[in-house]
Amino acid sequence: MSTQTTHIRPTYFEIFTKVLNELSWREVSGFNEIEKTEHKRVLNLINVTNAEVLSSYIWDFQIEKAEIMLGKDETTILSDFGGKIISIWEGSKKYKYIHPTMLAPVSDRRCDVYSNIGSLIITTPSAHKRNLSVIFASDLYAQDKDGVKKAKMENADDTSIIPMPYLEPILVYGTLIRTKANPSFAKFGYWRTLYYNAVGNLRTSGAKSNEDSPRLILG
């Protein structure tokens, strides 16, 4: 029985190696041997591709929830959720977002509104303690070998949070078209088609209803 470990999710270094193979460039034997400028550029473009795809849409696998508590008459929370707030709930009551400049005139008796500036969430006072659920889209686009999320891939065994089977074609072919960035290059059209198909399939797989179906415009 084979004891060889198979990576379910391709790592940063494996994606890098696949890009080199497609470009017919010589492979490097280890991540610590990456010294050439063009190799470092490929590593950067893998992260650029990853971030551009993940920031282009609110994907269901990015949505997370954090529970916070506000004491009586407390109105502010300073917390970096690592992403964009989608909504705030107190039980089954959804808070309404208002612009920060409109918060002050709101009656103190109305506590079902919020605003935010950076990492600061602001609401109006309440006569009772509040347990709030913050729904947000994470902007931590990568994870390490233990599954701990991080902003971007840095180490050989880091990987993207893009789900399988879309992760590899999106990152490999997306990186390739950015590396060459020349439509007249022989394989450019082929790579671009595979990249757009993979992104389109990812978007379709994440839609839960016809109304939620994303509109993908291919350039």
Protein backbone atom coordinates (compact mmCIF):
# COMPACT_ATOMS: atom_id res chain seq x y z
CA MET A 1 0.00 0.00 0.00
CA SER A 2 1.41 3.37 -1.04
CA THR A 3 2.18 5.87 1.72
CA GLN A 4 2.59 8.78 -0.68
CA THR A 5 0.60 11.85 0.34
CA THR A 6 -1.54 13.43 -2.35
CA HIS A 7 -2.35 17.11 -2.04
CA ILE A 8 -6.08 17.64 -2.47
CA ARG A 9 -5.52 21.38 -2.87
CA PRO A 10 -2.47 22.40 -4.93
CA THR A 11 0.00 24.48 -2.96
CA TYR A 12 1.59 27.79 -3.86
CA PHE A 13 4.75 26.00 -5.01
CA GLU A 14 2.80 23.43 -7.03
CA ILE A 15 0.88 26.17 -8.84
CA PHE A 16 4.18 27.95 -9.49
CA THR A 17 5.69 24.76 -10.92
CA LYS A 18 2.70 24.17 -13.22
CA VAL A 19 3.02 27.73 -14.55
CA LEU A 20 6.71 27.14 -15.30
CA ASN A 21 5.85 23.90 -17.12
CA GLU A 22 3.26 25.67 -19.30
CA LEU A 23 5.83 28.33 -20.14
CA SER A 24 8.45 25.63 -20.85
CA TRP A 25 10.73 27.22 -18.29
CA ARG A 26 13.18 25.19 -16.25
CA GLU A 27 11.75 24.06 -12.91
CA VAL A 28 13.36 24.81 -9.58
CA SER A 29 13.84 21.98 -7.12
CA GLY A 30 12.73 23.89 -4.03
CA PHE A 31 10.90 27.03 -2.96
CA ASN A 32 14.01 28.37 -1.26
CA GLU A 33 15.84 28.31 -4.62
CA ILE A 34 13.56 30.85 -6.26
CA GLU A 35 15.89 33.75 -6.90
CA LYS A 36 15.34 34.90 -10.49
CA THR A 37 13.37 38.07 -11.03
CA GLU A 38 10.98 36.42 -13.51
CA HIS A 39 10.26 33.64 -11.01
CA LYS A 40 9.47 36.14 -8.25
CA ARG A 41 7.21 37.93 -10.73
CA VAL A 42 5.29 34.69 -11.34
CA LEU A 43 4.85 34.20 -7.59
CA ASN A 44 3.49 37.74 -7.29
CA LEU A 45 1.11 37.23 -10.23
CA ILE A 46 -0.31 34.08 -8.64
CA ASN A 47 -1.37 36.22 -5.68
CA VAL A 48 -2.60 38.99 -7.99
CA THR A 49 -4.80 36.49 -9.85
CA ASN A 50 -6.08 35.02 -6.59
CA ALA A 51 -6.96 38.44 -5.14
CA GLU A 52 -8.60 39.73 -8.32
CA VAL A 53 -10.91 36.72 -8.58
CA LEU A 54 -11.81 36.64 -4.88
CA SER A 55 -12.47 40.40 -4.68
CA SER A 56 -14.66 40.41 -7.81
CA TYR A 57 -17.72 38.81 -6.18
CA ILE A 58 -19.07 37.90 -2.75
CA TRP A 59 -18.45 34.16 -2.87
CA ASP A 60 -20.41 31.91 -0.52
CA PHE A 61 -17.18 30.31 0.77
CA GLN A 62 -15.94 33.75 1.89
CA ILE A 63 -18.95 34.56 4.05
CA GLU A 64 -18.33 34.29 7.79
CA LYS A 65 -20.08 35.26 11.00
CA ALA A 66 -18.71 36.87 14.14
CA GLU A 67 -20.58 37.27 17.42
CA ILE A 68 -20.07 40.48 19.40
CA MET A 69 -21.62 41.94 22.53
CA LEU A 70 -22.54 45.53 23.33
CA GLY A 71 -23.28 46.52 26.88
CA LYS A 72 -26.09 48.86 27.90
CA ASP A 73 -25.67 52.30 26.31
CA GLU A 74 -22.54 51.17 24.44
CA THR A 75 -22.47 52.46 20.86
CA THR A 76 -19.11 51.54 19.37
CA ILE A 77 -17.13 48.39 18.62
CA LEU A 78 -13.54 48.43 17.43
CA SER A 79 -12.89 45.14 15.69
CA ASP A 80 -11.18 44.19 12.45
CA PHE A 81 -13.19 41.31 11.02
CA GLY A 82 -10.81 40.88 8.10
CA GLY A 83 -13.40 41.64 5.49
CA LYS A 84 -16.35 43.69 4.29
CA ILE A 85 -19.46 43.76 6.49
CA ILE A 86 -22.54 42.44 4.70
CA SER A 87 -25.09 42.80 7.48
CA ILE A 88 -25.55 43.03 11.26
CA TRP A 89 -28.32 41.20 13.13
CA GLU A 90 -29.70 41.24 16.65
CA GLY A 91 -31.52 37.93 16.77
CA SER A 92 -33.98 38.03 13.87
CA LYS A 93 -33.80 41.83 13.57
CA LYS A 94 -31.58 43.13 10.81
CA TYR A 95 -29.85 46.44 11.41
CA LYS A 96 -30.08 49.05 8.69
CA TYR A 97 -26.85 50.60 7.41
CA ILE A 98 -26.70 54.39 7.28
CA HIS A 99 -23.89 56.71 6.27
CA PRO A 100 -21.72 57.90 9.21
CA THR A 101 -22.77 61.52 8.67
CA MET A 102 -26.42 60.54 9.13
CA LEU A 103 -25.96 58.66 12.40
CA ALA A 104 -26.01 61.60 14.82
CA PRO A 105 -29.54 62.86 14.07
CA VAL A 106 -31.08 59.41 14.58
CA SER A 107 -33.21 59.17 17.72
CA ASP A 108 -31.55 57.48 20.67
CA ARG A 109 -34.63 55.30 20.94
CA ARG A 110 -33.86 53.67 17.60
CA CYS A 111 -31.08 51.13 17.97
CA ASP A 112 -31.56 49.07 14.83
CA VAL A 113 -29.14 51.08 12.67
CA TYR A 114 -25.37 50.98 12.30
CA SER A 115 -22.54 52.60 10.43
CA ASN A 116 -18.86 51.84 10.19
CA ILE A 117 -15.61 53.67 9.57
CA GLY A 118 -12.64 51.40 9.00
CA SER A 119 -12.63 48.88 11.84
CA LEU A 120 -15.05 50.93 13.97
CA ILE A 121 -18.73 49.90 14.05
CA ILE A 122 -21.05 52.59 15.39
CA THR A 123 -24.65 52.20 16.46
CA THR A 124 -27.10 54.13 18.64
CA PRO A 125 -27.52 53.56 22.40
CA SER A 126 -29.78 50.87 23.76
CA ALA A 127 -31.26 50.38 27.23
CA HIS A 128 -30.28 46.69 27.17
CA LYS A 129 -27.27 44.56 26.47
CA ARG A 130 -27.09 43.45 22.84
CA ASN A 131 -25.69 40.30 21.27
CA LEU A 132 -25.00 41.06 17.62
CA SER A 133 -24.12 38.79 14.71
CA VAL A 134 -21.86 40.38 12.10
CA ILE A 135 -22.00 38.73 8.67
CA PHE A 136 -18.98 39.61 6.54
CA ALA A 137 -17.07 38.56 3.44
CA SER A 138 -13.54 37.66 4.45
CA ASP A 139 -10.64 39.25 2.59
CA LEU A 140 -8.20 36.61 3.83
CA TYR A 141 -7.63 34.95 0.48
CA ALA A 142 -5.14 32.23 1.40
CA GLN A 143 -4.44 29.68 4.11
CA ASP A 144 -1.43 27.89 5.52
CA LYS A 145 -0.89 24.14 5.77
CA ASP A 146 -2.93 24.04 9.00
CA GLY A 147 -5.89 25.85 7.45
CA VAL A 148 -5.20 29.16 9.21
CA LYS A 149 -6.33 31.97 6.92
CA LYS A 150 -4.00 34.75 5.81
CA ALA A 151 -4.01 37.66 3.36
CA LYS A 152 -1.91 36.04 0.65
CA MET A 153 0.25 33.03 -0.17
CA GLU A 154 3.81 33.39 1.06
CA ASN A 155 5.18 29.93 1.87
CA ALA A 156 5.59 26.89 -0.35
CA ASP A 157 2.75 24.94 1.28
CA ASP A 158 0.27 27.83 1.48
CA THR A 159 -2.77 27.57 -0.76
CA SER A 160 -5.72 29.64 -1.98
CA ILE A 161 -9.18 29.49 -0.42
CA ILE A 162 -10.69 29.02 -3.91
CA PRO A 163 -12.46 25.65 -3.79
CA MET A 164 -11.58 22.63 -5.86
CA PRO A 165 -11.75 21.83 -8.73
CA TYR A 166 -11.57 25.50 -9.77
CA LEU A 167 -8.46 26.50 -7.83
CA GLU A 168 -5.83 25.08 -10.18
CA PRO A 169 -7.14 26.24 -13.58
CA ILE A 170 -7.99 29.71 -12.24
CA LEU A 171 -4.56 30.30 -10.71
CA VAL A 172 -2.48 28.56 -13.37
CA TYR A 173 -4.13 30.02 -16.47
CA GLY A 174 -4.89 33.37 -14.85
CA THR A 175 -1.21 33.71 -13.96
CA LEU A 176 -0.13 32.65 -17.44
CA ILE A 177 -2.17 35.32 -19.24
CA ARG A 178 -0.82 37.94 -16.84
CA THR A 179 2.75 36.71 -17.26
CA LYS A 180 2.65 36.93 -21.04
CA ALA A 181 0.01 39.70 -21.34
CA ASN A 182 0.29 39.50 -25.11
CA PRO A 183 -2.78 38.34 -27.11
CA SER A 184 -0.54 37.56 -30.09
CA PHE A 185 1.35 34.93 -28.10
CA ALA A 186 0.55 31.45 -29.49
CA LYS A 187 -1.07 30.00 -26.35
CA PHE A 188 -2.58 33.22 -25.00
CA GLY A 189 -6.10 32.64 -26.38
CA TYR A 190 -6.13 29.03 -25.16
CA TRP A 191 -5.03 30.02 -21.66
CA ARG A 192 -7.55 32.88 -21.52
CA THR A 193 -10.42 30.59 -22.55
CA LEU A 194 -9.55 28.04 -19.85
CA TYR A 195 -9.22 30.80 -17.25
CA TYR A 196 -12.58 32.42 -18.08
CA ASN A 197 -14.28 29.02 -18.21
CA ALA A 198 -12.95 28.14 -14.74
CA VAL A 199 -14.03 31.49 -13.26
CA GLY A 200 -17.45 31.19 -14.92
CA ASN A 201 -17.92 27.67 -13.58
CA LEU A 202 -16.96 28.82 -10.09
CA ARG A 203 -19.52 31.64 -10.24
CA THR A 204 -22.25 29.36 -11.52
CA SER A 205 -21.56 26.77 -8.83
CA GLY A 206 -21.92 29.41 -6.11
CA ALA A 207 -25.33 30.76 -7.20
CA LYS A 208 -28.19 29.58 -5.00
CA SER A 209 -31.04 31.04 -7.07
CA ASN A 210 -31.69 32.57 -10.44
CA GLU A 211 -31.73 36.04 -8.85
CA ASP A 212 -28.33 35.38 -7.29
CA SER A 213 -26.78 34.12 -10.53
CA PRO A 214 -23.77 36.31 -11.32
CA ARG A 215 -23.40 37.93 -14.71
CA LEU A 216 -19.97 37.18 -16.14
CA ILE A 217 -18.80 39.53 -18.87
CA LEU A 218 -15.87 38.15 -20.78
CA GLY A 219 -13.57 40.74 -22.26
